[in-house]
Amino acid sequence: MQLKISEEMLDAIHHAGHVPEDIRRRFAGIAPVAGSQPAQFLLTLSDDEAMELSELLQWHVRSDPATGSPTPETAPYAAIIQAISDRQF
């Protein structure tokens, strides 16, 4: 599975805690998408790794009690989860 992620999403995954080594190795292979504006990056994962990352990032998402939406700080994690979900179906 290949995901195009934004710079904000890229920064978020590098700051996620408790990421297993197999997923961290995939982060090292993230490459910029040539000519993309705004800048985008390509993250390649197996289906199992994508599910593992999605489940891990769910622990990082916090919702604003007033709106039910992810907080601004955790919105990039929610965006990655959504991108993975969109690619799986």
N, C-alpha and C. Protein backbone atom coordinates (compact mmCIF):
# COMPACT_ATOMS: atom_id res chain seq x y z
N MET A 1 0.84 -1.16 0.00
CA MET A 1 0.00 0.00 0.00
C MET A 1 0.89 1.23 0.00
N GLN A 2 0.57 2.17 -0.87
CA GLN A 2 1.31 3.41 -0.91
C GLN A 2 0.39 4.55 -0.53
N LEU A 3 0.83 5.35 0.42
CA LEU A 3 0.05 6.49 0.89
C LEU A 3 0.80 7.77 0.60
N LYS A 4 0.12 8.73 0.03
CA LYS A 4 0.68 10.07 -0.10
C LYS A 4 0.30 10.83 1.16
N ILE A 5 1.32 11.34 1.84
CA ILE A 5 1.08 12.05 3.09
C ILE A 5 1.65 13.46 2.99
N SER A 6 1.04 14.35 3.76
CA SER A 6 1.49 15.74 3.79
C SER A 6 2.70 15.89 4.72
N GLU A 7 3.31 17.05 4.66
CA GLU A 7 4.44 17.33 5.55
C GLU A 7 4.00 17.29 7.01
N GLU A 8 2.80 17.78 7.28
CA GLU A 8 2.26 17.75 8.65
C GLU A 8 2.07 16.30 9.13
N MET A 9 1.59 15.44 8.25
CA MET A 9 1.41 14.03 8.60
C MET A 9 2.77 13.36 8.79
N LEU A 10 3.73 13.71 7.96
CA LEU A 10 5.08 13.16 8.07
C LEU A 10 5.68 13.52 9.43
N ASP A 11 5.55 14.77 9.82
CA ASP A 11 6.06 15.21 11.11
C ASP A 11 5.38 14.45 12.25
N ALA A 12 4.07 14.25 12.13
CA ALA A 12 3.32 13.55 13.18
C ALA A 12 3.80 12.11 13.36
N ILE A 13 4.02 11.39 12.27
CA ILE A 13 4.43 9.99 12.44
C ILE A 13 5.82 9.89 13.04
N HIS A 14 6.66 10.87 12.76
CA HIS A 14 8.00 10.85 13.36
C HIS A 14 7.95 11.14 14.86
N HIS A 15 6.85 11.71 15.32
CA HIS A 15 6.71 12.02 16.75
C HIS A 15 5.79 11.03 17.48
N ALA A 16 5.25 10.06 16.77
CA ALA A 16 4.38 9.06 17.40
C ALA A 16 5.20 8.19 18.34
N GLY A 17 4.61 7.87 19.46
CA GLY A 17 5.30 7.03 20.43
C GLY A 17 5.00 5.56 20.26
N HIS A 18 5.89 4.72 20.74
CA HIS A 18 5.70 3.27 20.80
C HIS A 18 5.54 2.63 19.43
N VAL A 19 6.27 3.13 18.43
CA VAL A 19 6.19 2.57 17.08
C VAL A 19 7.14 1.39 16.99
N PRO A 20 6.64 0.21 16.59
CA PRO A 20 7.50 -0.96 16.47
C PRO A 20 8.59 -0.75 15.41
N GLU A 21 9.65 -1.46 15.56
CA GLU A 21 10.82 -1.29 14.68
C GLU A 21 10.49 -1.56 13.22
N ASP A 22 9.62 -2.53 12.92
CA ASP A 22 9.30 -2.81 11.52
C ASP A 22 8.64 -1.61 10.85
N ILE A 23 7.81 -0.90 11.57
CA ILE A 23 7.17 0.30 11.02
C ILE A 23 8.18 1.45 10.95
N ARG A 24 9.02 1.59 11.95
CA ARG A 24 10.06 2.64 11.93
C ARG A 24 10.96 2.50 10.70
N ARG A 25 11.27 1.26 10.33
CA ARG A 25 12.09 1.04 9.13
C ARG A 25 11.38 1.57 7.88
N ARG A 26 10.07 1.44 7.84
CA ARG A 26 9.30 1.96 6.70
C ARG A 26 9.35 3.49 6.67
N PHE A 27 9.36 4.11 7.85
CA PHE A 27 9.45 5.57 7.91
C PHE A 27 10.75 6.05 7.29
N ALA A 28 11.81 5.28 7.46
CA ALA A 28 13.11 5.66 6.90
C ALA A 28 13.08 5.66 5.38
N GLY A 29 12.14 4.94 4.78
CA GLY A 29 12.05 4.87 3.33
C GLY A 29 11.07 5.85 2.71
N ILE A 30 10.54 6.76 3.50
CA ILE A 30 9.59 7.75 2.97
C ILE A 30 10.33 8.65 1.99
N ALA A 31 9.72 8.82 0.82
CA ALA A 31 10.35 9.61 -0.23
C ALA A 31 9.42 10.75 -0.65
N PRO A 32 10.01 11.90 -0.99
CA PRO A 32 9.18 13.01 -1.49
C PRO A 32 8.59 12.67 -2.85
N VAL A 33 7.39 13.14 -3.10
CA VAL A 33 6.75 12.97 -4.40
C VAL A 33 7.21 14.13 -5.27
N ALA A 34 7.90 13.82 -6.36
CA ALA A 34 8.47 14.85 -7.23
C ALA A 34 7.39 15.77 -7.79
N GLY A 35 7.64 17.06 -7.67
CA GLY A 35 6.77 18.07 -8.26
C GLY A 35 5.47 18.32 -7.52
N SER A 36 5.25 17.71 -6.39
CA SER A 36 3.98 17.92 -5.68
C SER A 36 4.00 19.27 -4.96
N GLN A 37 2.90 20.01 -5.09
CA GLN A 37 2.72 21.28 -4.40
C GLN A 37 1.34 21.29 -3.78
N PRO A 38 1.16 21.40 -2.50
CA PRO A 38 2.24 21.45 -1.51
C PRO A 38 2.97 20.11 -1.44
N ALA A 39 4.09 20.13 -0.77
CA ALA A 39 4.94 18.94 -0.69
C ALA A 39 4.17 17.74 -0.15
N GLN A 40 4.35 16.61 -0.82
CA GLN A 40 3.79 15.35 -0.36
C GLN A 40 4.89 14.31 -0.35
N PHE A 41 4.64 13.26 0.44
CA PHE A 41 5.64 12.21 0.61
C PHE A 41 4.94 10.87 0.43
N LEU A 42 5.70 9.88 -0.02
CA LEU A 42 5.15 8.55 -0.27
C LEU A 42 5.61 7.58 0.80
N LEU A 43 4.65 7.02 1.52
CA LEU A 43 4.89 6.03 2.56
C LEU A 43 4.40 4.69 2.04
N THR A 44 5.28 3.70 1.97
CA THR A 44 4.93 2.38 1.46
C THR A 44 4.86 1.41 2.64
N LEU A 45 3.71 0.73 2.75
CA LEU A 45 3.47 -0.23 3.83
C LEU A 45 2.79 -1.47 3.26
N SER A 46 3.02 -2.61 3.89
CA SER A 46 2.22 -3.78 3.57
C SER A 46 0.84 -3.57 4.19
N ASP A 47 -0.12 -4.39 3.81
CA ASP A 47 -1.46 -4.25 4.40
C ASP A 47 -1.41 -4.47 5.92
N ASP A 48 -0.61 -5.44 6.36
CA ASP A 48 -0.49 -5.70 7.79
C ASP A 48 0.16 -4.53 8.52
N GLU A 49 1.19 -3.95 7.91
CA GLU A 49 1.86 -2.79 8.53
C GLU A 49 0.92 -1.59 8.58
N ALA A 50 0.12 -1.42 7.54
CA ALA A 50 -0.84 -0.31 7.52
C ALA A 50 -1.86 -0.47 8.65
N MET A 51 -2.35 -1.69 8.84
CA MET A 51 -3.31 -1.93 9.92
C MET A 51 -2.65 -1.69 11.28
N GLU A 52 -1.43 -2.15 11.42
CA GLU A 52 -0.68 -1.97 12.67
C GLU A 52 -0.49 -0.48 12.96
N LEU A 53 -0.10 0.30 11.95
CA LEU A 53 0.09 1.73 12.13
C LEU A 53 -1.23 2.41 12.47
N SER A 54 -2.29 2.06 11.78
CA SER A 54 -3.60 2.64 12.05
C SER A 54 -4.03 2.40 13.49
N GLU A 55 -3.88 1.17 13.95
CA GLU A 55 -4.25 0.85 15.33
C GLU A 55 -3.39 1.61 16.33
N LEU A 56 -2.11 1.73 16.05
CA LEU A 56 -1.21 2.46 16.93
C LEU A 56 -1.61 3.94 17.00
N LEU A 57 -1.87 4.54 15.85
CA LEU A 57 -2.18 5.97 15.82
C LEU A 57 -3.52 6.29 16.47
N GLN A 58 -4.43 5.32 16.50
CA GLN A 58 -5.72 5.55 17.16
C GLN A 58 -5.52 5.92 18.63
N TRP A 59 -4.47 5.41 19.24
CA TRP A 59 -4.18 5.73 20.64
C TRP A 59 -3.71 7.18 20.79
N HIS A 60 -3.25 7.79 19.71
CA HIS A 60 -2.73 9.16 19.76
C HIS A 60 -3.80 10.22 19.50
N VAL A 61 -4.94 9.81 18.93
CA VAL A 61 -5.98 10.78 18.57
C VAL A 61 -6.80 11.15 19.81
N ARG A 62 -6.94 12.45 20.00
CA ARG A 62 -7.77 13.00 21.08
C ARG A 62 -8.85 13.86 20.43
N SER A 63 -10.06 13.77 20.96
CA SER A 63 -11.18 14.53 20.41
C SER A 63 -11.48 15.74 21.26
N ASP A 64 -11.90 16.80 20.59
CA ASP A 64 -12.38 18.00 21.26
C ASP A 64 -13.78 17.69 21.79
N PRO A 65 -14.00 17.81 23.10
CA PRO A 65 -15.31 17.45 23.65
C PRO A 65 -16.46 18.28 23.08
N ALA A 66 -16.18 19.50 22.68
CA ALA A 66 -17.22 20.38 22.16
C ALA A 66 -17.66 20.00 20.75
N THR A 67 -16.72 19.52 19.94
CA THR A 67 -17.05 19.24 18.54
C THR A 67 -17.03 17.76 18.18
N GLY A 68 -16.32 16.96 18.96
CA GLY A 68 -16.16 15.55 18.64
C GLY A 68 -15.11 15.30 17.58
N SER A 69 -14.53 16.35 17.05
CA SER A 69 -13.48 16.24 16.03
C SER A 69 -12.12 16.10 16.69
N PRO A 70 -11.16 15.54 15.96
CA PRO A 70 -9.81 15.46 16.53
C PRO A 70 -9.28 16.86 16.88
N THR A 71 -8.51 16.94 17.93
CA THR A 71 -7.89 18.21 18.30
C THR A 71 -6.90 18.60 17.20
N PRO A 72 -6.56 19.88 17.08
CA PRO A 72 -5.60 20.29 16.05
C PRO A 72 -4.27 19.54 16.16
N GLU A 73 -3.84 19.23 17.37
CA GLU A 73 -2.58 18.53 17.56
C GLU A 73 -2.63 17.09 17.08
N THR A 74 -3.81 16.47 17.15
CA THR A 74 -3.91 15.06 16.77
C THR A 74 -4.59 14.84 15.42
N ALA A 75 -5.01 15.91 14.77
CA ALA A 75 -5.67 15.79 13.45
C ALA A 75 -4.78 15.08 12.41
N PRO A 76 -3.44 15.31 12.40
CA PRO A 76 -2.63 14.57 11.43
C PRO A 76 -2.68 13.06 11.62
N TYR A 77 -2.76 12.60 12.88
CA TYR A 77 -2.89 11.16 13.13
C TYR A 77 -4.21 10.65 12.56
N ALA A 78 -5.28 11.40 12.80
CA ALA A 78 -6.59 11.00 12.28
C ALA A 78 -6.58 10.98 10.76
N ALA A 79 -5.87 11.91 10.14
CA ALA A 79 -5.78 11.96 8.68
C ALA A 79 -5.06 10.73 8.13
N ILE A 80 -4.02 10.28 8.81
CA ILE A 80 -3.30 9.07 8.38
C ILE A 80 -4.21 7.86 8.52
N ILE A 81 -4.91 7.76 9.63
CA ILE A 81 -5.85 6.64 9.84
C ILE A 81 -6.88 6.62 8.72
N GLN A 82 -7.41 7.79 8.38
CA GLN A 82 -8.43 7.88 7.32
C GLN A 82 -7.84 7.49 5.97
N ALA A 83 -6.61 7.93 5.69
CA ALA A 83 -5.96 7.58 4.42
C ALA A 83 -5.77 6.07 4.31
N ILE A 84 -5.37 5.44 5.39
CA ILE A 84 -5.21 3.98 5.39
C ILE A 84 -6.55 3.31 5.16
N SER A 85 -7.56 3.77 5.86
CA SER A 85 -8.90 3.20 5.72
C SER A 85 -9.41 3.35 4.28
N ASP A 86 -9.21 4.52 3.70
CA ASP A 86 -9.66 4.76 2.32
C ASP A 86 -8.97 3.82 1.33
N ARG A 87 -7.71 3.51 1.56
CA ARG A 87 -6.94 2.64 0.66
C ARG A 87 -7.34 1.18 0.81
N GLN A 88 -7.85 0.80 1.98
CA GLN A 88 -8.18 -0.61 2.22
C GLN A 88 -9.51 -1.01 1.63
N PHE A 89 -10.36 -0.04 1.34
CA PHE A 89 -11.70 -0.39 0.83
C PHE A 89 -11.95 0.13 -0.53
